[in-house]
PDB file of N, CA and C in Angstrom:
ATOM      1  N   MET A   1       2.392 -21.332 -12.510  1.00  0.00           N
ATOM      2  CA  MET A   1       1.701 -20.064 -12.512  1.00  0.00           C
ATOM      3  C   MET A   1       2.329 -19.118 -13.534  1.00  0.00           C
ATOM      4  N   LEU A   2       3.247 -19.591 -14.319  1.00  0.00           N
ATOM      5  CA  LEU A   2       3.881 -18.789 -15.346  1.00  0.00           C
ATOM      6  C   LEU A   2       2.853 -18.303 -16.359  1.00  0.00           C
ATOM      7  N   ASN A   3       2.901 -17.027 -16.672  1.00  0.00           N
ATOM      8  CA  ASN A   3       1.989 -16.376 -17.614  1.00  0.00           C
ATOM      9  C   ASN A   3       0.545 -16.301 -17.137  1.00  0.00           C
ATOM     10  N   ASP A   4       0.292 -16.532 -15.846  1.00  0.00           N
ATOM     11  CA  ASP A   4      -1.046 -16.318 -15.313  1.00  0.00           C
ATOM     12  C   ASP A   4      -1.261 -14.828 -15.120  1.00  0.00           C
ATOM     13  N   LYS A   5      -2.464 -14.376 -15.372  1.00  0.00           N
ATOM     14  CA  LYS A   5      -2.788 -12.972 -15.195  1.00  0.00           C
ATOM     15  C   LYS A   5      -2.866 -12.633 -13.714  1.00  0.00           C
ATOM     16  N   ILE A   6      -2.538 -11.384 -13.422  1.00  0.00           N
ATOM     17  CA  ILE A   6      -2.712 -10.905 -12.057  1.00  0.00           C
ATOM     18  C   ILE A   6      -4.189 -10.941 -11.729  1.00  0.00           C
ATOM     19  N   SER A   7      -4.509 -11.477 -10.575  1.00  0.00           N
ATOM     20  CA  SER A   7      -5.896 -11.603 -10.162  1.00  0.00           C
ATOM     21  C   SER A   7      -5.974 -11.462  -8.654  1.00  0.00           C
ATOM     22  N   THR A   8      -6.600 -10.390  -8.202  1.00  0.00           N
ATOM     23  CA  THR A   8      -6.718 -10.206  -6.755  1.00  0.00           C
ATOM     24  C   THR A   8      -7.635 -11.251  -6.146  1.00  0.00           C
ATOM     25  N   SER A   9      -8.640 -11.686  -6.891  1.00  0.00           N
ATOM     26  CA  SER A   9      -9.556 -12.687  -6.348  1.00  0.00           C
ATOM     27  C   SER A   9      -8.877 -14.045  -6.188  1.00  0.00           C
ATOM     28  N   ARG A  10      -7.832 -14.286  -6.964  1.00  0.00           N
ATOM     29  CA  ARG A  10      -7.075 -15.541  -6.853  1.00  0.00           C
ATOM     30  C   ARG A  10      -5.787 -15.352  -6.056  1.00  0.00           C
ATOM     31  N   ASN A  11      -5.655 -14.171  -5.460  1.00  0.00           N
ATOM     32  CA  ASN A  11      -4.500 -13.816  -4.637  1.00  0.00           C
ATOM     33  C   ASN A  11      -3.189 -13.885  -5.419  1.00  0.00           C
ATOM     34  N   ARG A  12      -3.249 -13.523  -6.697  1.00  0.00           N
ATOM     35  CA  ARG A  12      -2.041 -13.420  -7.527  1.00  0.00           C
ATOM     36  C   ARG A  12      -1.874 -11.950  -7.877  1.00  0.00           C
ATOM     37  N   ALA A  13      -1.148 -11.259  -7.037  1.00  0.00           N
ATOM     38  CA  ALA A  13      -0.966  -9.822  -7.221  1.00  0.00           C
ATOM     39  C   ALA A  13       0.292  -9.375  -6.489  1.00  0.00           C
ATOM     40  N   VAL A  14       0.751  -8.200  -6.839  1.00  0.00           N
ATOM     41  CA  VAL A  14       1.823  -7.558  -6.084  1.00  0.00           C
ATOM     42  C   VAL A  14       1.108  -6.629  -5.110  1.00  0.00           C
ATOM     43  N   TRP A  15       1.091  -7.014  -3.867  1.00  0.00           N
ATOM     44  CA  TRP A  15       0.403  -6.222  -2.850  1.00  0.00           C
ATOM     45  C   TRP A  15       1.348  -5.129  -2.371  1.00  0.00           C
ATOM     46  N   ALA A  16       0.912  -3.886  -2.491  1.00  0.00           N
ATOM     47  CA  ALA A  16       1.771  -2.741  -2.162  1.00  0.00           C
ATOM     48  C   ALA A  16       2.292  -2.810  -0.730  1.00  0.00           C
ATOM     49  N   HIS A  17       1.437  -3.162   0.229  1.00  0.00           N
ATOM     50  CA  HIS A  17       1.893  -3.188   1.626  1.00  0.00           C
ATOM     51  C   HIS A  17       2.966  -4.266   1.840  1.00  0.00           C
ATOM     52  N   GLU A  18       2.881  -5.382   1.132  1.00  0.00           N
ATOM     53  CA  GLU A  18       3.901  -6.420   1.252  1.00  0.00           C
ATOM     54  C   GLU A  18       5.201  -5.989   0.574  1.00  0.00           C
ATOM     55  N   TYR A  19       5.083  -5.333  -0.573  1.00  0.00           N
ATOM     56  CA  TYR A  19       6.272  -4.834  -1.263  1.00  0.00           C
ATOM     57  C   TYR A  19       7.024  -3.858  -0.356  1.00  0.00           C
ATOM     58  N   VAL A  20       6.300  -2.921   0.262  1.00  0.00           N
ATOM     59  CA  VAL A  20       6.931  -1.923   1.132  1.00  0.00           C
ATOM     60  C   VAL A  20       7.598  -2.593   2.332  1.00  0.00           C
ATOM     61  N   GLU A  21       6.980  -3.636   2.873  1.00  0.00           N
ATOM     62  CA  GLU A  21       7.574  -4.364   4.001  1.00  0.00           C
ATOM     63  C   GLU A  21       8.830  -5.107   3.564  1.00  0.00           C
ATOM     64  N   ASP A  22       8.779  -5.745   2.393  1.00  0.00           N
ATOM     65  CA  ASP A  22       9.902  -6.554   1.922  1.00  0.00           C
ATOM     66  C   ASP A  22      11.038  -5.722   1.329  1.00  0.00           C
ATOM     67  N   PHE A  23      10.705  -4.541   0.793  1.00  0.00           N
ATOM     68  CA  PHE A  23      11.700  -3.680   0.144  1.00  0.00           C
ATOM     69  C   PHE A  23      11.576  -2.252   0.664  1.00  0.00           C
ATOM     70  N   PRO A  24      11.917  -2.042   1.938  1.00  0.00           N
ATOM     71  CA  PRO A  24      11.755  -0.709   2.522  1.00  0.00           C
ATOM     72  C   PRO A  24      12.591   0.334   1.776  1.00  0.00           C
ATOM     73  N   GLY A  25      11.984   1.495   1.559  1.00  0.00           N
ATOM     74  CA  GLY A  25      12.680   2.587   0.889  1.00  0.00           C
ATOM     75  C   GLY A  25      12.760   2.437  -0.625  1.00  0.00           C
ATOM     76  N   GLN A  26      12.101   1.433  -1.176  1.00  0.00           N
ATOM     77  CA  GLN A  26      12.169   1.183  -2.619  1.00  0.00           C
ATOM     78  C   GLN A  26      10.838   1.443  -3.333  1.00  0.00           C
ATOM     79  N   GLN A  27      10.002   2.282  -2.748  1.00  0.00           N
ATOM     80  CA  GLN A  27       8.700   2.558  -3.343  1.00  0.00           C
ATOM     81  C   GLN A  27       8.839   3.191  -4.727  1.00  0.00           C
ATOM     82  N   ASP A  28       9.824   4.061  -4.910  1.00  0.00           N
ATOM     83  CA  ASP A  28       9.997   4.712  -6.206  1.00  0.00           C
ATOM     84  C   ASP A  28      10.370   3.719  -7.297  1.00  0.00           C
ATOM     85  N   VAL A  29      11.055   2.652  -6.937  1.00  0.00           N
ATOM     86  CA  VAL A  29      11.419   1.621  -7.916  1.00  0.00           C
ATOM     87  C   VAL A  29      10.161   0.962  -8.469  1.00  0.00           C
ATOM     88  N   LEU A  30       9.249   0.566  -7.589  1.00  0.00           N
ATOM     89  CA  LEU A  30       7.991  -0.037  -8.030  1.00  0.00           C
ATOM     90  C   LEU A  30       7.161   0.964  -8.813  1.00  0.00           C
ATOM     91  N   ARG A  31       7.106   2.184  -8.329  1.00  0.00           N
ATOM     92  CA  ARG A  31       6.348   3.234  -9.018  1.00  0.00           C
ATOM     93  C   ARG A  31       6.874   3.428 -10.439  1.00  0.00           C
ATOM     94  N   TYR A  32       8.190   3.493 -10.605  1.00  0.00           N
ATOM     95  CA  TYR A  32       8.791   3.646 -11.932  1.00  0.00           C
ATOM     96  C   TYR A  32       8.440   2.470 -12.840  1.00  0.00           C
ATOM     97  N   ALA A  33       8.590   1.268 -12.326  1.00  0.00           N
ATOM     98  CA  ALA A  33       8.326   0.074 -13.139  1.00  0.00           C
ATOM     99  C   ALA A  33       6.874   0.036 -13.610  1.00  0.00           C
ATOM    100  N   LEU A  34       5.959   0.397 -12.744  1.00  0.00           N
ATOM    101  CA  LEU A  34       4.543   0.388 -13.127  1.00  0.00           C
ATOM    102  C   LEU A  34       4.219   1.511 -14.110  1.00  0.00           C
ATOM    103  N   LEU A  35       4.771   2.690 -13.868  1.00  0.00           N
ATOM    104  CA  LEU A  35       4.482   3.815 -14.755  1.00  0.00           C
ATOM    105  C   LEU A  35       5.157   3.671 -16.115  1.00  0.00           C
ATOM    106  N   SER A  36       6.234   2.915 -16.189  1.00  0.00           N
ATOM    107  CA  SER A  36       6.912   2.732 -17.469  1.00  0.00           C
ATOM    108  C   SER A  36       6.062   1.927 -18.452  1.00  0.00           C
ATOM    109  N   SER A  37       5.022   1.288 -17.961  1.00  0.00           N
ATOM    110  CA  SER A  37       4.101   0.540 -18.822  1.00  0.00           C
ATOM    111  C   SER A  37       2.840   1.334 -19.148  1.00  0.00           C
ATOM    112  N   ALA A  38       2.751   2.549 -18.647  1.00  0.00           N
ATOM    113  CA  ALA A  38       1.551   3.362 -18.848  1.00  0.00           C
ATOM    114  C   ALA A  38       1.651   4.162 -20.143  1.00  0.00           C
ATOM    115  N   PRO A  39       0.595   4.603 -20.749  1.00  0.00           N
ATOM    116  CA  PRO A  39      -0.766   4.259 -20.367  1.00  0.00           C
ATOM    117  C   PRO A  39      -1.134   2.879 -20.876  1.00  0.00           C
ATOM    118  N   GLU A  40      -1.881   2.182 -20.084  1.00  0.00           N
ATOM    119  CA  GLU A  40      -2.300   0.840 -20.471  1.00  0.00           C
ATOM    120  C   GLU A  40      -3.475   0.931 -21.425  1.00  0.00           C
ATOM    121  N   THR A  41      -3.321   0.323 -22.577  1.00  0.00           N
ATOM    122  CA  THR A  41      -4.426   0.248 -23.537  1.00  0.00           C
ATOM    123  C   THR A  41      -4.946  -1.176 -23.639  1.00  0.00           C
ATOM    124  N   LYS A  42      -4.278  -2.079 -22.906  1.00  0.00           N
ATOM    125  CA  LYS A  42      -4.714  -3.475 -22.848  1.00  0.00           C
ATOM    126  C   LYS A  42      -4.185  -4.051 -21.542  1.00  0.00           C
ATOM    127  N   ASP A  43      -4.551  -5.274 -21.232  1.00  0.00           N
ATOM    128  CA  ASP A  43      -4.032  -5.909 -20.021  1.00  0.00           C
ATOM    129  C   ASP A  43      -2.512  -5.969 -20.087  1.00  0.00           C
ATOM    130  N   ASN A  44      -1.885  -5.730 -18.969  1.00  0.00           N
ATOM    131  CA  ASN A  44      -0.443  -5.748 -18.881  1.00  0.00           C
ATOM    132  C   ASN A  44      -0.004  -7.079 -18.293  1.00  0.00           C
ATOM    133  N   ASN A  45       0.956  -7.723 -18.909  1.00  0.00           N
ATOM    134  CA  ASN A  45       1.467  -9.000 -18.428  1.00  0.00           C
ATOM    135  C   ASN A  45       2.667  -8.740 -17.527  1.00  0.00           C
ATOM    136  N   PHE A  46       2.411  -8.516 -16.237  1.00  0.00           N
ATOM    137  CA  PHE A  46       3.480  -8.251 -15.275  1.00  0.00           C
ATOM    138  C   PHE A  46       4.263  -9.512 -14.994  1.00  0.00           C
ATOM    139  N   THR A  47       5.579  -9.413 -15.079  1.00  0.00           N
ATOM    140  CA  THR A  47       6.452 -10.509 -14.652  1.00  0.00           C
ATOM    141  C   THR A  47       7.576  -9.916 -13.812  1.00  0.00           C
ATOM    142  N   TRP A  48       8.068 -10.690 -12.892  1.00  0.00           N
ATOM    143  CA  TRP A  48       9.181 -10.220 -12.076  1.00  0.00           C
ATOM    144  C   TRP A  48      10.429 -10.047 -12.932  1.00  0.00           C
ATOM    145  N   LYS A  49      10.601 -10.870 -13.966  1.00  0.00           N
ATOM    146  CA  LYS A  49      11.749 -10.753 -14.869  1.00  0.00           C
ATOM    147  C   LYS A  49      11.708  -9.403 -15.591  1.00  0.00           C
ATOM    148  N   ASP A  50      10.547  -9.018 -16.108  1.00  0.00           N
ATOM    149  CA  ASP A  50      10.397  -7.725 -16.770  1.00  0.00           C
ATOM    150  C   ASP A  50      10.630  -6.585 -15.779  1.00  0.00           C
ATOM    151  N   PHE A  51      10.138  -6.740 -14.566  1.00  0.00           N
ATOM    152  CA  PHE A  51      10.358  -5.752 -13.514  1.00  0.00           C
ATOM    153  C   PHE A  51      11.857  -5.559 -13.291  1.00  0.00           C
ATOM    154  N   GLN A  52      12.603  -6.651 -13.178  1.00  0.00           N
ATOM    155  CA  GLN A  52      14.050  -6.569 -12.966  1.00  0.00           C
ATOM    156  C   GLN A  52      14.748  -5.884 -14.137  1.00  0.00           C
ATOM    157  N   THR A  53      14.321  -6.206 -15.348  1.00  0.00           N
ATOM    158  CA  THR A  53      14.913  -5.605 -16.535  1.00  0.00           C
ATOM    159  C   THR A  53      14.704  -4.095 -16.546  1.00  0.00           C
ATOM    160  N   LYS A  54      13.540  -3.639 -16.141  1.00  0.00           N
ATOM    161  CA  LYS A  54      13.233  -2.212 -16.150  1.00  0.00           C
ATOM    162  C   LYS A  54      14.000  -1.434 -15.106  1.00  0.00           C
ATOM    163  N   ILE A  55      14.296  -2.032 -13.974  1.00  0.00           N
ATOM    164  CA  ILE A  55      14.903  -1.262 -12.882  1.00  0.00           C
ATOM    165  C   ILE A  55      16.431  -1.358 -12.844  1.00  0.00           C
ATOM    166  N   ILE A  56      16.998  -2.216 -13.641  1.00  0.00           N
ATOM    167  CA  ILE A  56      18.474  -2.373 -13.613  1.00  0.00           C
ATOM    168  C   ILE A  56      19.129  -1.413 -14.576  1.00  0.00           C
TER     169      ILE A  56
END
């Protein structure tokens, strides 16, 4: 699934409610990581590796 696009219809997404359950109190971390890629002028290739790089 490497380099697959996020697709809610294929259940490949970061679901906010699951993130909050798995990482309680870390909502601002996800918010920062997502906003650091804004504004989107094209599809964004989200990866967990890039997410880790942005928040460390």
